[in-house]
PDB file of all heavy atoms in Angstrom:
ATOM      1  N   LEU A   1      -1.851 -17.365   2.944  1.00  0.00           N
ATOM      2  CA  LEU A   1      -1.960 -17.648   4.371  1.00  0.00           C
ATOM      3  C   LEU A   1      -1.955 -16.349   5.178  1.00  0.00           C
ATOM      4  O   LEU A   1      -2.764 -16.182   6.110  1.00  0.00           O
ATOM      5  CB  LEU A   1      -0.788 -18.533   4.814  1.00  0.00           C
ATOM      6  CG  LEU A   1      -0.694 -18.841   6.314  1.00  0.00           C
ATOM      7  CD1 LEU A   1      -1.884 -19.696   6.771  1.00  0.00           C
ATOM      8  CD2 LEU A   1       0.607 -19.546   6.633  1.00  0.00           C
ATOM      9  N   LEU A   2      -1.066 -15.426   4.815  1.00  0.00           N
ATOM     10  CA  LEU A   2      -0.978 -14.143   5.540  1.00  0.00           C
ATOM     11  C   LEU A   2      -2.228 -13.282   5.291  1.00  0.00           C
ATOM     12  O   LEU A   2      -2.631 -12.521   6.171  1.00  0.00           O
ATOM     13  CB  LEU A   2       0.280 -13.399   5.134  1.00  0.00           C
ATOM     14  CG  LEU A   2       1.581 -14.052   5.596  1.00  0.00           C
ATOM     15  CD1 LEU A   2       2.795 -13.376   4.991  1.00  0.00           C
ATOM     16  CD2 LEU A   2       1.691 -14.077   7.127  1.00  0.00           C
ATOM     17  N   LYS A   3      -2.842 -13.421   4.121  1.00  0.00           N
ATOM     18  CA  LYS A   3      -4.107 -12.726   3.873  1.00  0.00           C
ATOM     19  C   LYS A   3      -5.210 -13.316   4.757  1.00  0.00           C
ATOM     20  O   LYS A   3      -5.998 -12.577   5.339  1.00  0.00           O
ATOM     21  CB  LYS A   3      -4.507 -12.864   2.402  1.00  0.00           C
ATOM     22  CG  LYS A   3      -3.721 -11.968   1.463  1.00  0.00           C
ATOM     23  CD  LYS A   3      -4.235 -12.197   0.030  1.00  0.00           C
ATOM     24  CE  LYS A   3      -3.464 -11.392  -0.995  1.00  0.00           C
ATOM     25  NZ  LYS A   3      -3.955 -11.617  -2.364  1.00  0.00           N
ATOM     26  N   THR A   4      -5.253 -14.641   4.858  1.00  0.00           N
ATOM     27  CA  THR A   4      -6.236 -15.320   5.684  1.00  0.00           C
ATOM     28  C   THR A   4      -6.125 -14.921   7.153  1.00  0.00           C
ATOM     29  O   THR A   4      -7.119 -14.717   7.830  1.00  0.00           O
ATOM     30  CB  THR A   4      -6.071 -16.864   5.569  1.00  0.00           C
ATOM     31  OG1 THR A   4      -6.132 -17.231   4.198  1.00  0.00           O
ATOM     32  CG2 THR A   4      -7.134 -17.603   6.341  1.00  0.00           C
ATOM     33  N   LYS A   5      -4.877 -14.752   7.616  1.00  0.00           N
ATOM     34  CA  LYS A   5      -4.639 -14.355   9.017  1.00  0.00           C
ATOM     35  C   LYS A   5      -4.842 -12.863   9.255  1.00  0.00           C
ATOM     36  O   LYS A   5      -4.758 -12.399  10.391  1.00  0.00           O
ATOM     37  CB  LYS A   5      -3.212 -14.728   9.433  1.00  0.00           C
ATOM     38  CG  LYS A   5      -2.985 -16.223   9.565  1.00  0.00           C
ATOM     39  CD  LYS A   5      -1.576 -16.482  10.057  1.00  0.00           C
ATOM     40  CE  LYS A   5      -1.368 -17.968  10.353  1.00  0.00           C
ATOM     41  NZ  LYS A   5      -0.038 -18.233  10.911  1.00  0.00           N
ATOM     42  N   GLY A   6      -5.046 -12.103   8.188  1.00  0.00           N
ATOM     43  CA  GLY A   6      -5.250 -10.667   8.297  1.00  0.00           C
ATOM     44  C   GLY A   6      -3.958  -9.877   8.451  1.00  0.00           C
ATOM     45  O   GLY A   6      -3.995  -8.678   8.732  1.00  0.00           O
ATOM     46  N   ILE A   7      -2.824 -10.525   8.238  1.00  0.00           N
ATOM     47  CA  ILE A   7      -1.518  -9.842   8.324  1.00  0.00           C
ATOM     48  C   ILE A   7      -1.270  -9.023   7.068  1.00  0.00           C
ATOM     49  O   ILE A   7      -0.715  -7.924   7.134  1.00  0.00           O
ATOM     50  CB  ILE A   7      -0.397 -10.869   8.580  1.00  0.00           C
ATOM     51  CG1 ILE A   7      -0.592 -11.513   9.945  1.00  0.00           C
ATOM     52  CG2 ILE A   7       0.977 -10.215   8.484  1.00  0.00           C
ATOM     53  CD1 ILE A   7       0.305 -12.711  10.220  1.00  0.00           C
ATOM     54  N   LEU A   8      -1.671  -9.553   5.931  1.00  0.00           N
ATOM     55  CA  LEU A   8      -1.606  -8.817   4.668  1.00  0.00           C
ATOM     56  C   LEU A   8      -3.006  -8.430   4.236  1.00  0.00           C
ATOM     57  O   LEU A   8      -3.975  -9.181   4.456  1.00  0.00           O
ATOM     58  CB  LEU A   8      -0.983  -9.671   3.555  1.00  0.00           C
ATOM     59  CG  LEU A   8       0.508 -10.002   3.672  1.00  0.00           C
ATOM     60  CD1 LEU A   8       0.944 -10.882   2.525  1.00  0.00           C
ATOM     61  CD2 LEU A   8       1.354  -8.743   3.718  1.00  0.00           C
ATOM     62  N   PRO A   9      -3.180  -7.271   3.587  1.00  0.00           N
ATOM     63  CA  PRO A   9      -4.510  -6.872   3.107  1.00  0.00           C
ATOM     64  C   PRO A   9      -4.938  -7.771   1.924  1.00  0.00           C
ATOM     65  O   PRO A   9      -4.106  -8.384   1.272  1.00  0.00           O
ATOM     66  CB  PRO A   9      -4.310  -5.427   2.657  1.00  0.00           C
ATOM     67  CG  PRO A   9      -2.867  -5.284   2.393  1.00  0.00           C
ATOM     68  CD  PRO A   9      -2.167  -6.253   3.297  1.00  0.00           C
ATOM     69  N   GLU A  10      -6.211  -7.808   1.687  1.00  0.00           N
ATOM     70  CA  GLU A  10      -6.744  -8.667   0.620  1.00  0.00           C
ATOM     71  C   GLU A  10      -6.232  -8.280  -0.766  1.00  0.00           C
ATOM     72  O   GLU A  10      -6.146  -9.110  -1.658  1.00  0.00           O
ATOM     73  CB  GLU A  10      -8.283  -8.632   0.613  1.00  0.00           C
ATOM     74  CG  GLU A  10      -8.902  -9.534   1.656  1.00  0.00           C
ATOM     75  CD  GLU A  10      -8.486 -11.004   1.504  1.00  0.00           C
ATOM     76  OE1 GLU A  10      -8.487 -11.523   0.370  1.00  0.00           O
ATOM     77  OE2 GLU A  10      -8.125 -11.612   2.520  1.00  0.00           O
ATOM     78  N   ASN A  11      -5.867  -7.008  -0.942  1.00  0.00           N
ATOM     79  CA  ASN A  11      -5.393  -6.551  -2.257  1.00  0.00           C
ATOM     80  C   ASN A  11      -3.870  -6.686  -2.406  1.00  0.00           C
ATOM     81  O   ASN A  11      -3.302  -6.217  -3.389  1.00  0.00           O
ATOM     82  CB  ASN A  11      -5.827  -5.106  -2.517  1.00  0.00           C
ATOM     83  CG  ASN A  11      -5.230  -4.116  -1.529  1.00  0.00           C
ATOM     84  OD1 ASN A  11      -4.847  -4.491  -0.417  1.00  0.00           O
ATOM     85  ND2 ASN A  11      -5.188  -2.859  -1.909  1.00  0.00           N
ATOM     86  N   ALA A  12      -3.223  -7.356  -1.467  1.00  0.00           N
ATOM     87  CA  ALA A  12      -1.760  -7.573  -1.581  1.00  0.00           C
ATOM     88  C   ALA A  12      -1.484  -8.437  -2.811  1.00  0.00           C
ATOM     89  O   ALA A  12      -2.169  -9.433  -3.046  1.00  0.00           O
ATOM     90  CB  ALA A  12      -1.220  -8.239  -0.315  1.00  0.00           C
ATOM     91  N   ALA A  13      -0.474  -8.040  -3.580  1.00  0.00           N
ATOM     92  CA  ALA A  13      -0.139  -8.756  -4.810  1.00  0.00           C
ATOM     93  C   ALA A  13       1.328  -9.131  -4.822  1.00  0.00           C
ATOM     94  O   ALA A  13       2.195  -8.371  -4.370  1.00  0.00           O
ATOM     95  CB  ALA A  13      -0.450  -7.890  -6.013  1.00  0.00           C
ATOM     96  N   LEU A  14       1.600 -10.303  -5.328  1.00  0.00           N
ATOM     97  CA  LEU A  14       2.953 -10.856  -5.388  1.00  0.00           C
ATOM     98  C   LEU A  14       3.475 -10.770  -6.827  1.00  0.00           C
ATOM     99  O   LEU A  14       2.786 -11.136  -7.770  1.00  0.00           O
ATOM    100  CB  LEU A  14       2.941 -12.310  -4.912  1.00  0.00           C
ATOM    101  CG  LEU A  14       4.265 -13.082  -4.964  1.00  0.00           C
ATOM    102  CD1 LEU A  14       5.258 -12.506  -3.957  1.00  0.00           C
ATOM    103  CD2 LEU A  14       4.007 -14.556  -4.672  1.00  0.00           C
ATOM    104  N   THR A  15       4.713 -10.295  -6.975  1.00  0.00           N
ATOM    105  CA  THR A  15       5.391 -10.282  -8.266  1.00  0.00           C
ATOM    106  C   THR A  15       6.733 -10.995  -8.106  1.00  0.00           C
ATOM    107  O   THR A  15       7.412 -10.795  -7.109  1.00  0.00           O
ATOM    108  CB  THR A  15       5.627  -8.830  -8.738  1.00  0.00           C
ATOM    109  OG1 THR A  15       4.350  -8.178  -8.872  1.00  0.00           O
ATOM    110  CG2 THR A  15       6.324  -8.795 -10.103  1.00  0.00           C
ATOM    111  N   ILE A  16       7.065 -11.826  -9.070  1.00  0.00           N
ATOM    112  CA  ILE A  16       8.301 -12.616  -8.962  1.00  0.00           C
ATOM    113  C   ILE A  16       9.200 -12.314 -10.158  1.00  0.00           C
ATOM    114  O   ILE A  16       8.768 -12.367 -11.337  1.00  0.00           O
ATOM    115  CB  ILE A  16       7.977 -14.128  -8.929  1.00  0.00           C
ATOM    116  CG1 ILE A  16       7.085 -14.429  -7.716  1.00  0.00           C
ATOM    117  CG2 ILE A  16       9.232 -14.971  -8.892  1.00  0.00           C
ATOM    118  CD1 ILE A  16       6.519 -15.822  -7.669  1.00  0.00           C
ATOM    119  N   LEU A  17      10.466 -11.993  -9.847  1.00  0.00           N
ATOM    120  CA  LEU A  17      11.462 -11.667 -10.867  1.00  0.00           C
ATOM    121  C   LEU A  17      12.675 -12.587 -10.706  1.00  0.00           C
ATOM    122  O   LEU A  17      13.036 -12.927  -9.598  1.00  0.00           O
ATOM    123  CB  LEU A  17      11.932 -10.216 -10.718  1.00  0.00           C
ATOM    124  CG  LEU A  17      10.882  -9.112 -10.663  1.00  0.00           C
ATOM    125  CD1 LEU A  17      11.529  -7.795 -10.304  1.00  0.00           C
ATOM    126  CD2 LEU A  17      10.149  -9.026 -11.993  1.00  0.00           C
ATOM    127  N   GLU A  18      13.268 -12.945 -11.828  1.00  0.00           N
ATOM    128  CA  GLU A  18      14.553 -13.653 -11.800  1.00  0.00           C
ATOM    129  C   GLU A  18      15.639 -12.658 -12.199  1.00  0.00           C
ATOM    130  O   GLU A  18      15.510 -11.968 -13.212  1.00  0.00           O
ATOM    131  CB  GLU A  18      14.562 -14.806 -12.810  1.00  0.00           C
ATOM    132  CG  GLU A  18      13.675 -15.959 -12.433  1.00  0.00           C
ATOM    133  CD  GLU A  18      13.666 -17.047 -13.508  1.00  0.00           C
ATOM    134  OE1 GLU A  18      14.134 -16.803 -14.649  1.00  0.00           O
ATOM    135  OE2 GLU A  18      13.168 -18.140 -13.219  1.00  0.00           O
ATOM    136  N   ILE A  19      16.689 -12.588 -11.377  1.00  0.00           N
ATOM    137  CA  ILE A  19      17.816 -11.701 -11.679  1.00  0.00           C
ATOM    138  C   ILE A  19      19.008 -12.576 -11.991  1.00  0.00           C
ATOM    139  O   ILE A  19      19.494 -13.303 -11.146  1.00  0.00           O
ATOM    140  CB  ILE A  19      18.112 -10.749 -10.497  1.00  0.00           C
ATOM    141  CG1 ILE A  19      16.875  -9.886 -10.238  1.00  0.00           C
ATOM    142  CG2 ILE A  19      19.334  -9.905 -10.795  1.00  0.00           C
ATOM    143  CD1 ILE A  19      17.023  -8.946  -9.054  1.00  0.00           C
ATOM    144  N   SER A  20      19.437 -12.535 -13.233  1.00  0.00           N
ATOM    145  CA  SER A  20      20.546 -13.376 -13.687  1.00  0.00           C
ATOM    146  C   SER A  20      21.849 -12.598 -13.588  1.00  0.00           C
ATOM    147  O   SER A  20      22.103 -11.710 -14.379  1.00  0.00           O
ATOM    148  CB  SER A  20      20.276 -13.810 -15.134  1.00  0.00           C
ATOM    149  OG  SER A  20      21.300 -14.620 -15.602  1.00  0.00           O
ATOM    150  N   LYS A  21      22.640 -12.924 -12.559  1.00  0.00           N
ATOM    151  CA  LYS A  21      23.867 -12.162 -12.330  1.00  0.00           C
ATOM    152  C   LYS A  21      25.049 -12.660 -13.156  1.00  0.00           C
ATOM    153  O   LYS A  21      25.866 -11.892 -13.603  1.00  0.00           O
ATOM    154  CB  LYS A  21      24.259 -12.245 -10.847  1.00  0.00           C
ATOM    155  CG  LYS A  21      23.264 -11.572  -9.944  1.00  0.00           C
ATOM    156  CD  LYS A  21      23.779 -11.463  -8.526  1.00  0.00           C
ATOM    157  CE  LYS A  21      24.411 -12.733  -8.038  1.00  0.00           C
ATOM    158  NZ  LYS A  21      24.768 -12.706  -6.635  1.00  0.00           N
ATOM    159  N   SER A  22      25.141 -13.964 -13.359  1.00  0.00           N
ATOM    160  CA  SER A  22      26.361 -14.503 -13.966  1.00  0.00           C
ATOM    161  C   SER A  22      26.163 -15.024 -15.390  1.00  0.00           C
ATOM    162  O   SER A  22      27.124 -15.204 -16.111  1.00  0.00           O
ATOM    163  CB  SER A  22      26.937 -15.624 -13.100  1.00  0.00           C
ATOM    164  OG  SER A  22      25.961 -16.638 -12.923  1.00  0.00           O
ATOM    165  N   ALA A  23      24.933 -15.252 -15.806  1.00  0.00           N
ATOM    166  CA  ALA A  23      24.695 -15.788 -17.151  1.00  0.00           C
ATOM    167  C   ALA A  23      25.041 -14.709 -18.192  1.00  0.00           C
ATOM    168  O   ALA A  23      24.848 -13.534 -17.958  1.00  0.00           O
ATOM    169  CB  ALA A  23      23.231 -16.187 -17.314  1.00  0.00           C
ATOM    170  N   PRO A  24      25.591 -15.123 -19.321  1.00  0.00           N
ATOM    171  CA  PRO A  24      25.920 -14.139 -20.356  1.00  0.00           C
ATOM    172  C   PRO A  24      24.650 -13.462 -20.868  1.00  0.00           C
ATOM    173  O   PRO A  24      23.639 -14.109 -21.116  1.00  0.00           O
ATOM    174  CB  PRO A  24      26.579 -14.960 -21.441  1.00  0.00           C
ATOM    175  CG  PRO A  24      26.207 -16.379 -21.183  1.00  0.00           C
ATOM    176  CD  PRO A  24      25.917 -16.486 -19.716  1.00  0.00           C
ATOM    177  N   VAL A  25      24.710 -12.157 -20.989  1.00  0.00           N
ATOM    178  CA  VAL A  25      23.555 -11.385 -21.464  1.00  0.00           C
ATOM    179  C   VAL A  25      23.538 -11.388 -22.964  1.00  0.00           C
ATOM    180  O   VAL A  25      24.554 -11.165 -23.612  1.00  0.00           O
ATOM    181  CB  VAL A  25      23.608  -9.951 -20.894  1.00  0.00           C
ATOM    182  CG1 VAL A  25      22.481  -9.103 -21.435  1.00  0.00           C
ATOM    183  CG2 VAL A  25      23.545  -9.977 -19.377  1.00  0.00           C
ATOM    184  N   SER A  26      22.358 -11.642 -23.543  1.00  0.00           N
ATOM    185  CA  SER A  26      22.245 -11.754 -25.002  1.00  0.00           C
ATOM    186  C   SER A  26      22.008 -10.408 -25.679  1.00  0.00           C
ATOM    187  O   SER A  26      21.682 -10.361 -26.841  1.00  0.00           O
ATOM    188  CB  SER A  26      21.113 -12.705 -25.345  1.00  0.00           C
ATOM    189  OG  SER A  26      19.916 -12.248 -24.741  1.00  0.00           O
ATOM    190  N   LEU A  27      22.147  -9.337 -24.925  1.00  0.00           N
ATOM    191  CA  LEU A  27      21.873  -8.022 -25.471  1.00  0.00           C
ATOM    192  C   LEU A  27      22.921  -7.033 -24.982  1.00  0.00           C
ATOM    193  O   LEU A  27      23.300  -7.038 -23.821  1.00  0.00           O
ATOM    194  CB  LEU A  27      20.480  -7.540 -24.988  1.00  0.00           C
ATOM    195  CG  LEU A  27      20.036  -6.168 -25.441  1.00  0.00           C
ATOM    196  CD1 LEU A  27      19.428  -6.225 -26.825  1.00  0.00           C
ATOM    197  CD2 LEU A  27      19.023  -5.598 -24.478  1.00  0.00           C
TER     198      LEU A  27
END
């Protein structure tokens, strides 16, 4: 939507990360 409105450039890219703060780490 923001690309369509010209607020974000066409080459804007989204990356999504999950940060697990309380789960036990397996490593």
